Amino acid sequence: MDKKKFFGLMVAAVLGGSITYALVNRNDGSEVAQYQQGDSTERVARPMQVNYSGMVDFRTAASSTVDAVVHVKIRSQQAAYENPIYNFLFGKPSYQEQMPIVASGSGVIISRDGYIVTNNHVIEGADALEVTLDDKRTFTAKVIGADPTTDIALIKIEGDNFPFIPWGDSDKLQVGEWVLAIGNPFNLASTVTAGIVSAKARSINIINKSSAIEAFIQTDAAVNPGNSGGALVNIEGQLVGIITAIASPTGTFSGYSFAVPERIAKKTVSDLMEFGTVQRAFIGISISDVTSDMAQKNKVTILKGVYVNAVTNGGAAQDAGIKAGDVILKVNGVEVNKVSELQEQIGQYRPGQQVNITIMRNNKTQDIMLTLRNIEGGTSLQKAGETTELLGASIRTVTPQTASGLRIKGGVEIVALSDGKFAQAGVKQGFIITSVNRKPIYSVDDLRLILQNTTGGIYLEGVYPNGSISYYAFGI
């Protein structure tokens, strides 16, 4: 071999070795992330899970989370079909045959001692809950609490050392990021599907509650009936959402699914653990998205933020100096460009907490410190079972157990009566209000909001503890 060929081969070998070394030891877009472990914060490298073929590898995330996603079976009783003609001719029978109903969904273990987060609509109306783990162990679960406004419920099984999924941070989740959906679609246990985050803070008007918070994570991971209450996890195996709904004309997966973001789910779970009920915080404003037509009509010079239509008298916003016509741009430094994004940010806080609101007024930005309030206009927190005074009555939100026993989705119980609108209308102690003016009532907050925004007549529907249904009406 001549010297030129030998020298050429040596150069090629050195160059190839250098390229190989660089490829094997490249950064892969590694970033520094914060993982919460108890009360301590540890900064660790968070590399992308990429295999040698350059494809994203889901195996680590799947294997570390699938054991903590459970199959939730709901058992309840439903009255058999009634024949109205028979009832008219011969009278309603003194008893009704009860038909057992079995439905199912999913849940996510979030602690070693057996706390499980799922959807409110999964456990709604259940007489008994049965939880089956991935290793086929079966437990009876009890309901700790539920919140229809976020569609989140907390249940618990007895035991310890259960596998669980650590919380992630849905605020850091980005559109285009890979996620896994884990659940039990069509009773197919421990099913894992993958997709990307298609959108954030999506409102689809599926939670039909007066004070609902809808700021869903939208993904194209395949989700079907039975996935409800399951886990949405990121590529590191952290819980970033609770799967809740699909957008489908057929009832099965058609392209998009939706999950309650971790920030809302985690706060709801924390409230239910500590208080037995959710602590809702309010700014005290009427708001709308900033659109081109609206901006032109109201002389708004930017097409971002959330427009303040009106401010509640004596509310947190008014006291802090926010005015109608302001445009809210940020909450504690986080940009908000839709009503759902503002609701998502405020939904992370409790009454009494302060938030920094960045607004634009007269083409100038300014920061305003605002103390959030509860529905009554105060800053106190309420525990489950505590009563509130309204229209001459002491009222409280019914427990999930009471609602299940009466076959209702929720309501507000009249605990005591004095002279007032309820007593004057003939309402008796023990009556549970389930709807006002045909709008469903699930909590004291729901009732107060509807009464605050209604003039004229009030039409109540509800049920007494013995199961008898009653109706009342009065004017306000």
Protein backbone atom coordinates (compact mmCIF):
# COMPACT_ATOMS: atom_id res chain seq x y z
CA MET A 1 0.00 0.00 0.00
CA ASP A 2 1.47 3.41 -0.96
CA LYS A 3 1.87 6.21 1.57
CA LYS A 4 -1.01 8.32 0.17
CA LYS A 5 -3.61 5.53 0.55
CA PHE A 6 -2.35 4.69 4.04
CA PHE A 7 -2.50 8.32 5.13
CA GLY A 8 -6.05 8.66 3.69
CA LEU A 9 -7.30 5.61 5.57
CA MET A 10 -5.85 6.92 8.83
CA VAL A 11 -7.59 10.30 8.41
CA ALA A 12 -10.92 8.59 7.64
CA ALA A 13 -10.63 6.37 10.70
CA VAL A 14 -9.86 9.27 13.04
CA LEU A 15 -12.68 11.37 11.56
CA GLY A 16 -15.19 8.51 11.82
CA GLY A 17 -14.23 7.84 15.42
CA SER A 18 -14.67 11.50 16.30
CA ILE A 19 -18.13 11.65 14.70
CA THR A 20 -19.21 8.45 16.47
CA TYR A 21 -18.03 9.80 19.82
CA ALA A 22 -19.89 13.05 19.26
CA LEU A 23 -23.13 11.25 18.33
CA VAL A 24 -23.01 8.86 21.28
CA ASN A 25 -22.25 11.65 23.76
CA ARG A 26 -24.53 14.33 22.33
CA ASN A 27 -26.86 16.24 24.70
CA ASP A 28 -30.16 15.02 23.14
CA GLY A 29 -31.80 18.20 24.32
CA SER A 30 -31.39 17.29 27.99
CA GLU A 31 -32.81 19.91 30.34
CA VAL A 32 -32.76 20.58 34.04
CA ALA A 33 -36.11 19.98 35.72
CA GLN A 34 -37.44 20.18 39.26
CA TYR A 35 -38.89 17.07 40.86
CA GLN A 36 -40.90 17.47 44.03
CA GLN A 37 -40.15 14.79 46.63
CA GLY A 38 -42.05 15.57 49.82
CA ASP A 39 -41.08 19.05 50.94
CA SER A 40 -37.68 19.04 49.22
CA THR A 41 -36.85 20.06 45.68
CA GLU A 42 -34.12 18.23 43.81
CA ARG A 43 -32.65 19.43 40.53
CA VAL A 44 -31.88 16.50 38.25
CA ALA A 45 -31.14 15.98 34.58
CA ARG A 46 -34.23 15.13 32.53
CA PRO A 47 -33.05 13.51 29.28
CA MET A 48 -35.41 12.67 26.47
CA GLN A 49 -36.15 8.95 26.28
CA VAL A 50 -34.59 8.24 22.86
CA ASN A 51 -33.46 4.81 21.72
CA TYR A 52 -30.53 4.03 19.42
CA SER A 53 -32.74 4.23 16.33
CA GLY A 54 -33.55 7.88 17.17
CA MET A 55 -37.20 7.07 18.01
CA VAL A 56 -38.86 8.25 21.23
CA ASP A 57 -38.90 5.37 23.72
CA PHE A 58 -42.05 5.05 25.85
CA ARG A 59 -41.04 1.86 27.66
CA THR A 60 -39.66 3.48 30.81
CA ALA A 61 -42.63 5.79 31.27
CA ALA A 62 -45.11 2.96 30.64
CA SER A 63 -43.46 0.40 32.90
CA SER A 64 -43.10 2.87 35.79
CA THR A 65 -46.75 3.98 35.73
CA VAL A 66 -49.01 1.17 34.53
CA ASP A 67 -49.01 -0.59 37.93
CA ALA A 68 -50.51 2.51 39.58
CA VAL A 69 -53.53 2.81 37.25
CA VAL A 70 -56.50 0.86 38.60
CA HIS A 71 -59.80 -0.48 37.30
CA VAL A 72 -62.74 1.08 39.16
CA LYS A 73 -66.04 -0.83 39.15
CA ILE A 74 -69.19 0.97 40.27
CA ARG A 75 -72.12 -0.97 41.67
CA SER A 76 -75.50 0.69 42.17
CA GLN A 77 -79.18 -0.11 42.22
CA GLN A 78 -81.77 1.37 39.90
CA ALA A 79 -85.53 1.04 40.06
CA ALA A 80 -87.00 -1.19 37.39
CA TYR A 81 -88.98 0.40 34.57
CA GLU A 82 -92.34 1.74 35.72
CA ASN A 83 -95.50 1.43 33.64
CA PRO A 84 -97.30 4.81 33.92
CA ILE A 85 -100.61 3.36 32.64
CA TYR A 86 -100.54 0.59 35.27
CA ASN A 87 -99.73 3.17 37.96
CA PHE A 88 -102.65 5.38 36.83
CA LEU A 89 -105.20 2.53 36.81
CA PHE A 90 -104.11 0.54 39.83
CA GLY A 91 -101.87 2.88 41.78
CA LYS A 92 -98.13 2.90 42.20
CA PRO A 93 -96.85 -0.32 43.81
CA SER A 94 -95.66 -0.04 47.39
CA TYR A 95 -92.30 -1.46 46.38
CA GLN A 96 -90.08 -1.27 43.34
CA GLU A 97 -87.85 -4.02 42.11
CA GLN A 98 -84.24 -2.90 42.17
CA MET A 99 -82.01 -3.77 39.24
CA PRO A 100 -78.23 -3.91 39.84
CA ILE A 101 -76.05 -1.75 37.63
CA VAL A 102 -72.35 -2.29 37.11
CA ALA A 103 -70.25 0.34 35.34
CA SER A 104 -66.52 0.89 35.22
CA GLY A 105 -63.79 3.42 34.73
CA SER A 106 -60.21 4.04 35.78
CA GLY A 107 -58.31 5.65 38.62
CA VAL A 108 -54.75 6.64 39.52
CA ILE A 109 -53.02 5.78 42.80
CA ILE A 110 -51.26 8.95 43.99
CA SER A 111 -49.87 7.81 47.36
CA ARG A 112 -48.44 4.70 48.96
CA ASP A 113 -51.30 4.56 51.45
CA GLY A 114 -53.96 4.09 48.77
CA TYR A 115 -55.42 7.46 47.80
CA ILE A 116 -56.83 7.29 44.28
CA VAL A 117 -57.90 10.15 42.02
CA THR A 118 -60.59 9.55 39.42
CA ASN A 119 -63.47 11.43 37.76
CA ASN A 120 -66.57 12.55 39.62
CA HIS A 121 -68.73 11.15 36.81
CA VAL A 122 -67.09 7.73 37.29
CA ILE A 123 -68.17 7.33 40.92
CA GLU A 124 -71.36 9.40 40.78
CA GLY A 125 -74.37 7.51 42.17
CA ALA A 126 -72.33 4.51 43.28
CA ASP A 127 -73.54 2.35 46.16
CA ALA A 128 -70.24 0.45 46.24
CA LEU A 129 -66.83 0.86 44.64
CA GLU A 130 -64.52 -2.00 43.78
CA VAL A 131 -60.93 -1.30 42.78
CA THR A 132 -58.77 -3.85 40.95
CA LEU A 133 -55.03 -3.28 40.70
CA ASP A 134 -52.83 -4.27 37.79
CA ASP A 135 -51.59 -7.26 39.83
CA LYS A 136 -55.27 -8.42 40.11
CA ARG A 137 -55.68 -7.62 43.80
CA THR A 138 -59.19 -6.32 44.55
CA PHE A 139 -60.21 -3.80 47.23
CA THR A 140 -63.35 -2.04 48.39
CA ALA A 141 -62.93 1.72 48.13
CA LYS A 142 -64.58 4.55 50.05
CA VAL A 143 -65.31 8.03 48.73
CA ILE A 144 -63.29 10.79 50.40
CA GLY A 145 -64.84 13.60 48.40
CA ALA A 146 -65.86 14.74 44.94
CA ASP A 147 -66.05 17.99 43.02
CA PRO A 148 -68.50 18.18 40.09
CA THR A 149 -67.14 21.56 38.97
CA THR A 150 -63.80 20.03 37.98
CA ASP A 151 -65.07 16.44 37.54
CA ILE A 152 -62.47 15.19 40.02
CA ALA A 153 -63.11 12.69 42.83
CA LEU A 154 -60.90 11.21 45.53
CA ILE A 155 -61.37 7.67 46.81
CA LYS A 156 -59.25 5.44 49.06
CA ILE A 157 -58.39 1.80 49.55
CA GLU A 158 -56.94 0.43 52.78
CA GLY A 159 -53.36 -0.79 52.81
CA ASP A 160 -49.84 0.48 52.31
CA ASN A 161 -46.87 0.32 49.98
CA PHE A 162 -49.05 0.65 46.88
CA PRO A 163 -47.41 1.68 43.60
CA PHE A 164 -48.18 5.31 42.78
CA ILE A 165 -47.50 7.93 40.14
CA PRO A 166 -45.79 11.17 41.25
CA TRP A 167 -47.35 14.46 40.21
CA GLY A 168 -45.78 16.35 37.32
CA ASP A 169 -46.31 19.98 36.31
CA SER A 170 -49.00 20.62 33.71
CA ASP A 171 -47.98 24.28 33.45
CA LYS A 172 -44.66 23.15 31.93
CA LEU A 173 -46.37 20.82 29.47
CA GLN A 174 -45.98 22.10 25.91
CA VAL A 175 -48.03 21.64 22.75
CA GLY A 176 -46.34 18.96 20.67
CA GLU A 177 -44.93 17.11 23.70
CA TRP A 178 -45.37 13.34 23.88
CA VAL A 179 -47.77 11.94 26.48
CA LEU A 180 -49.18 8.52 27.39
CA ALA A 181 -52.80 7.72 28.24
CA ILE A 182 -53.21 4.77 30.62
CA GLY A 183 -56.54 3.22 31.57
CA ASN A 184 -59.06 0.43 31.09
CA PRO A 185 -61.00 1.08 27.87
CA PHE A 186 -63.76 -1.46 27.14
CA ASN A 187 -62.59 -3.34 30.30
CA LEU A 188 -59.21 -3.97 28.64
CA ALA A 189 -57.07 -3.59 31.74
CA SER A 190 -53.81 -1.62 31.75
CA THR A 191 -54.00 -0.27 28.21
CA VAL A 192 -51.32 2.25 27.20
CA THR A 193 -51.61 4.58 24.20
CA ALA A 194 -49.38 7.44 23.06
CA GLY A 195 -49.96 10.82 21.46
CA ILE A 196 -48.94 14.44 21.64
CA VAL A 197 -50.40 17.43 23.43
CA SER A 198 -52.64 19.02 20.78
CA ALA A 199 -53.78 22.06 22.80
CA LYS A 200 -53.99 23.37 26.36
CA ALA A 201 -56.69 25.15 28.36
CA ARG A 202 -59.37 23.79 26.04
CA SER A 203 -63.02 24.38 27.02
CA ILE A 204 -65.56 22.00 25.47
CA ASN A 205 -68.60 22.81 27.65
CA ILE A 206 -68.97 19.26 28.90
CA ILE A 207 -69.15 20.02 32.65
CA ASN A 208 -72.67 21.38 33.00
CA LYS A 209 -72.15 23.20 36.29
CA SER A 210 -72.67 26.89 37.08
CA SER A 211 -69.12 27.35 38.44
CA ALA A 212 -67.34 24.76 36.28
CA ILE A 213 -63.64 25.02 35.50
CA GLU A 214 -62.79 23.72 32.03
CA ALA A 215 -59.18 24.06 30.95
CA PHE A 216 -58.52 20.62 29.51
CA ILE A 217 -55.29 19.26 28.07
CA GLN A 218 -56.19 18.07 24.55
CA THR A 219 -54.28 15.12 23.14
CA ASP A 220 -54.54 12.71 20.23
CA ALA A 221 -53.70 9.68 22.39
CA ALA A 222 -56.41 7.06 21.80
CA VAL A 223 -59.01 7.10 24.60
CA ASN A 224 -62.29 5.18 24.80
CA PRO A 225 -65.11 4.49 27.30
CA GLY A 226 -63.50 3.08 30.44
CA ASN A 227 -60.47 5.40 30.23
CA SER A 228 -62.25 8.05 32.33
CA GLY A 229 -60.29 8.72 35.50
CA GLY A 230 -57.11 7.25 34.04
CA ALA A 231 -53.65 8.76 33.86
CA LEU A 232 -52.12 11.16 31.38
CA VAL A 233 -48.35 10.99 31.97
CA ASN A 234 -45.37 12.69 30.39
CA ILE A 235 -42.34 10.93 28.96
CA GLU A 236 -40.70 10.94 32.42
CA GLY A 237 -43.62 8.99 33.91
CA GLN A 238 -45.12 11.90 35.87
CA LEU A 239 -48.85 12.48 36.24
CA VAL A 240 -49.79 15.61 34.25
CA GLY A 241 -53.53 15.05 33.85
CA ILE A 242 -56.60 12.95 34.63
CA ILE A 243 -58.34 11.66 31.49
CA THR A 244 -61.92 12.85 31.41
CA ALA A 245 -63.57 12.99 27.99
CA ILE A 246 -63.35 12.34 24.27
CA ALA A 247 -64.62 14.39 21.35
CA SER A 248 -66.59 11.91 19.28
CA PRO A 249 -69.79 11.75 17.22
CA THR A 250 -69.96 7.98 17.85
CA GLY A 251 -69.05 7.62 21.53
CA THR A 252 -65.70 6.00 20.71
CA PHE A 253 -62.32 7.55 19.91
CA SER A 254 -62.36 9.80 16.85
CA GLY A 255 -59.13 11.71 17.18
CA TYR A 256 -59.02 13.80 20.36
CA SER A 257 -59.28 13.23 24.09
CA PHE A 258 -59.23 15.60 27.05
CA ALA A 259 -57.70 15.53 30.51
CA VAL A 260 -58.04 17.71 33.62
CA PRO A 261 -54.58 19.32 34.06
CA GLU A 262 -52.44 18.35 37.02
CA ARG A 263 -52.55 21.83 38.55
CA ILE A 264 -56.35 21.71 38.92
CA ALA A 265 -56.55 18.01 39.83
CA LYS A 266 -53.80 18.25 42.45
CA LYS A 267 -55.34 21.33 44.11
CA THR A 268 -58.79 19.68 44.15
CA VAL A 269 -57.36 16.51 45.71
CA SER A 270 -55.46 18.55 48.32
CA ASP A 271 -58.67 20.39 49.28
CA LEU A 272 -60.67 17.17 49.53
CA MET A 273 -58.00 15.57 51.73
CA GLU A 274 -57.71 18.55 54.07
CA PHE A 275 -61.25 19.95 54.17
CA GLY A 276 -63.54 17.37 52.57
CA THR A 277 -64.71 20.03 50.14
CA VAL A 278 -63.12 22.23 47.46
CA GLN A 279 -62.07 25.78 48.31
CA ARG A 280 -63.08 27.89 45.30
CA ALA A 281 -61.47 31.30 44.88
CA PHE A 282 -63.13 34.16 43.00
CA ILE A 283 -61.89 37.45 41.55
CA GLY A 284 -65.33 39.00 41.21
CA ILE A 285 -65.43 39.91 37.52
CA SER A 286 -67.33 39.15 34.32
CA ILE A 287 -64.91 38.31 31.52
CA SER A 288 -64.68 37.35 27.85
CA ASP A 289 -62.05 36.42 25.28
CA VAL A 290 -60.42 39.23 23.32
CA THR A 291 -61.56 38.86 19.70
CA SER A 292 -60.99 41.13 16.73
CA ASP A 293 -64.60 42.38 16.71
CA MET A 294 -64.69 42.88 20.46
CA ALA A 295 -61.36 44.71 20.45
CA GLN A 296 -62.55 47.08 17.76
CA LYS A 297 -65.85 47.71 19.54
CA ASN A 298 -64.22 48.41 22.91
CA LYS A 299 -61.13 50.19 21.53
CA VAL A 300 -58.73 47.53 22.76
CA THR A 301 -55.40 47.84 20.98
CA ILE A 302 -54.10 44.29 21.54
CA LEU A 303 -55.47 40.90 20.57
CA LYS A 304 -54.39 39.02 23.67
CA GLY A 305 -55.38 38.70 27.29
CA VAL A 306 -58.86 38.46 28.83
CA TYR A 307 -61.28 41.40 28.72
CA VAL A 308 -63.05 42.57 31.90
CA ASN A 309 -66.70 43.25 31.05
CA ALA A 310 -67.84 44.16 34.55
CA VAL A 311 -66.66 44.15 38.15
CA THR A 312 -68.72 42.84 41.09
CA ASN A 313 -69.56 45.48 43.67
CA GLY A 314 -67.53 44.90 46.82
CA GLY A 315 -65.64 42.04 45.22
CA ALA A 316 -61.92 41.30 45.25
CA ALA A 317 -61.28 42.90 41.85
CA GLN A 318 -63.07 46.14 42.68
CA ASP A 319 -61.30 46.50 46.01
CA ALA A 320 -57.94 45.89 44.32
CA GLY A 321 -58.61 48.56 41.69
CA ILE A 322 -59.45 46.49 38.61
CA LYS A 323 -62.02 48.20 36.38
CA ALA A 324 -64.35 47.28 33.55
CA GLY A 325 -62.45 47.71 30.28
CA ASP A 326 -59.16 46.42 31.68
CA VAL A 327 -57.43 43.55 29.89
CA ILE A 328 -55.89 40.88 32.15
CA LEU A 329 -52.60 39.72 30.65
CA LYS A 330 -50.96 37.60 33.37
CA VAL A 331 -51.61 35.88 36.70
CA ASN A 332 -48.46 35.61 38.82
CA GLY A 333 -46.41 36.00 35.66
CA VAL A 334 -48.26 33.34 33.65
CA GLU A 335 -49.81 34.67 30.44
CA VAL A 336 -53.56 34.20 29.99
CA ASN A 337 -55.11 34.67 26.56
CA LYS A 338 -58.43 32.86 27.02
CA VAL A 339 -61.14 32.76 29.66
CA SER A 340 -60.30 29.09 30.25
CA GLU A 341 -56.63 29.94 30.85
CA LEU A 342 -57.57 32.57 33.45
CA GLN A 343 -59.93 30.10 35.14
CA GLU A 344 -57.16 27.48 35.16
CA GLN A 345 -54.73 29.83 36.89
CA ILE A 346 -57.19 31.14 39.49
CA GLY A 347 -58.45 27.59 40.08
CA GLN A 348 -55.04 26.71 41.56
CA TYR A 349 -55.53 29.02 44.55
CA ARG A 350 -57.70 29.25 47.66
CA PRO A 351 -59.63 32.17 49.15
CA GLY A 352 -57.32 34.42 51.15
CA GLN A 353 -54.30 33.87 48.91
CA GLN A 354 -52.80 36.81 47.03
CA VAL A 355 -52.10 36.82 43.30
CA ASN A 356 -50.37 39.38 41.13
CA ILE A 357 -52.62 40.39 38.22
CA THR A 358 -50.97 42.12 35.25
CA ILE A 359 -53.43 44.28 33.35
CA MET A 360 -53.43 46.71 30.44
CA ARG A 361 -55.33 49.97 30.87
CA ASN A 362 -55.12 52.91 28.49
CA ASN A 363 -52.36 51.11 26.56
CA LYS A 364 -50.19 50.84 29.68
CA THR A 365 -49.45 47.71 31.69
CA GLN A 366 -49.50 47.61 35.47
CA ASP A 367 -49.40 45.01 38.24
CA ILE A 368 -52.15 44.78 40.84
CA MET A 369 -52.00 42.63 43.98
CA LEU A 370 -55.36 41.01 44.62
CA THR A 371 -56.59 38.91 47.55
CA LEU A 372 -58.88 36.15 46.33
CA ARG A 373 -62.22 35.60 48.06
CA ASN A 374 -64.78 32.86 48.54
CA ILE A 375 -68.28 32.92 47.07
CA GLU A 376 -69.58 34.81 50.10
CA GLY A 377 -67.05 37.62 49.57
CA GLY A 378 -64.83 36.63 52.50
CA THR A 379 -61.47 34.92 52.78
CA SER A 380 -62.33 32.10 55.22
CA LEU A 381 -62.06 28.44 54.27
CA GLN A 382 -64.95 26.04 54.77
CA LYS A 383 -64.88 22.43 55.90
CA ALA A 384 -67.26 19.75 54.69
CA GLY A 385 -70.44 19.69 56.76
CA GLU A 386 -70.22 23.32 57.84
CA THR A 387 -73.38 25.33 57.30
CA THR A 388 -73.97 28.66 55.58
CA GLU A 389 -76.81 31.11 56.20
CA LEU A 390 -78.88 32.05 53.15
CA LEU A 391 -82.43 33.47 52.85
CA GLY A 392 -83.29 32.54 56.42
CA ALA A 393 -81.96 28.99 56.25
CA SER A 394 -78.86 27.11 57.37
CA ILE A 395 -77.67 25.10 54.37
CA ARG A 396 -74.83 22.77 53.49
CA THR A 397 -73.66 20.73 50.53
CA VAL A 398 -74.80 17.11 50.76
CA THR A 399 -72.16 14.44 51.09
CA PRO A 400 -71.46 11.98 48.25
CA GLN A 401 -72.81 9.21 50.49
CA THR A 402 -76.15 11.01 50.99
CA ALA A 403 -76.42 11.79 47.29
CA SER A 404 -75.74 8.17 46.39
CA GLY A 405 -78.36 6.89 48.84
CA LEU A 406 -81.03 9.17 47.34
CA ARG A 407 -79.99 8.51 43.71
CA ILE A 408 -79.17 12.17 43.10
CA LYS A 409 -76.00 13.69 41.69
CA GLY A 410 -75.68 16.25 44.48
CA GLY A 411 -77.54 19.08 46.12
CA VAL A 412 -77.87 21.49 49.03
CA GLU A 413 -79.55 20.42 52.28
CA ILE A 414 -81.75 22.70 54.42
CA VAL A 415 -80.36 21.99 57.89
CA ALA A 416 -82.39 24.56 59.86
CA LEU A 417 -85.02 27.21 59.12
CA SER A 418 -85.93 30.60 60.54
CA ASP A 419 -88.24 33.23 59.11
CA GLY A 420 -87.18 33.78 55.50
CA LYS A 421 -87.91 33.04 51.86
CA PHE A 422 -87.53 29.26 52.18
CA ALA A 423 -89.80 28.96 55.22
CA GLN A 424 -92.40 31.29 53.70
CA ALA A 425 -92.51 29.10 50.59
CA GLY A 426 -93.27 26.03 52.70
CA VAL A 427 -89.88 24.36 52.57
CA LYS A 428 -89.30 21.97 55.49
CA GLN A 429 -86.12 21.08 57.33
CA GLY A 430 -84.22 18.26 55.60
CA PHE A 431 -85.23 19.27 52.08
CA ILE A 432 -82.40 18.84 49.56
CA ILE A 433 -82.40 21.31 46.68
CA THR A 434 -81.30 19.63 43.45
CA SER A 435 -82.17 22.35 40.95
CA VAL A 436 -83.15 26.03 40.81
CA ASN A 437 -85.02 27.33 37.78
CA ARG A 438 -84.20 24.06 36.00
CA LYS A 439 -80.47 24.51 36.62
CA PRO A 440 -78.79 21.67 38.56
CA ILE A 441 -77.42 22.47 42.02
CA TYR A 442 -74.48 20.49 43.38
CA SER A 443 -73.09 22.75 46.10
CA VAL A 444 -73.72 25.82 48.24
CA ASP A 445 -71.58 27.81 45.79
CA ASP A 446 -73.88 26.77 42.92
CA LEU A 447 -76.97 27.87 44.85
CA ARG A 448 -75.49 31.19 45.89
CA LEU A 449 -74.31 31.99 42.35
CA ILE A 450 -77.72 31.31 40.84
CA LEU A 451 -79.56 33.34 43.47
CA GLN A 452 -77.13 36.24 43.03
CA ASN A 453 -77.75 36.31 39.29
CA THR A 454 -81.53 35.79 39.29
CA THR A 455 -84.29 38.37 39.57
CA GLY A 456 -87.99 37.59 39.82
CA GLY A 457 -89.23 34.09 40.52
CA ILE A 458 -87.36 31.13 42.00
CA TYR A 459 -88.50 27.57 41.29
CA LEU A 460 -86.99 24.86 43.48
CA GLU A 461 -86.89 21.14 42.83
CA GLY A 462 -85.59 18.64 45.33
CA VAL A 463 -86.08 15.61 47.52
CA TYR A 464 -86.61 14.83 51.19
CA PRO A 465 -84.58 12.17 53.07
CA ASN A 466 -87.49 9.71 52.73
CA GLY A 467 -87.22 9.96 48.94
CA SER A 468 -90.31 12.09 48.30
CA ILE A 469 -89.85 14.67 45.56
CA SER A 470 -91.15 18.20 46.15
CA TYR A 471 -91.34 21.55 44.37
CA TYR A 472 -91.50 25.11 45.74
CA ALA A 473 -91.61 28.63 44.29
CA PHE A 474 -91.09 32.12 45.66
CA GLY A 475 -90.07 35.57 44.51
CA ILE A 476 -86.90 37.52 45.27
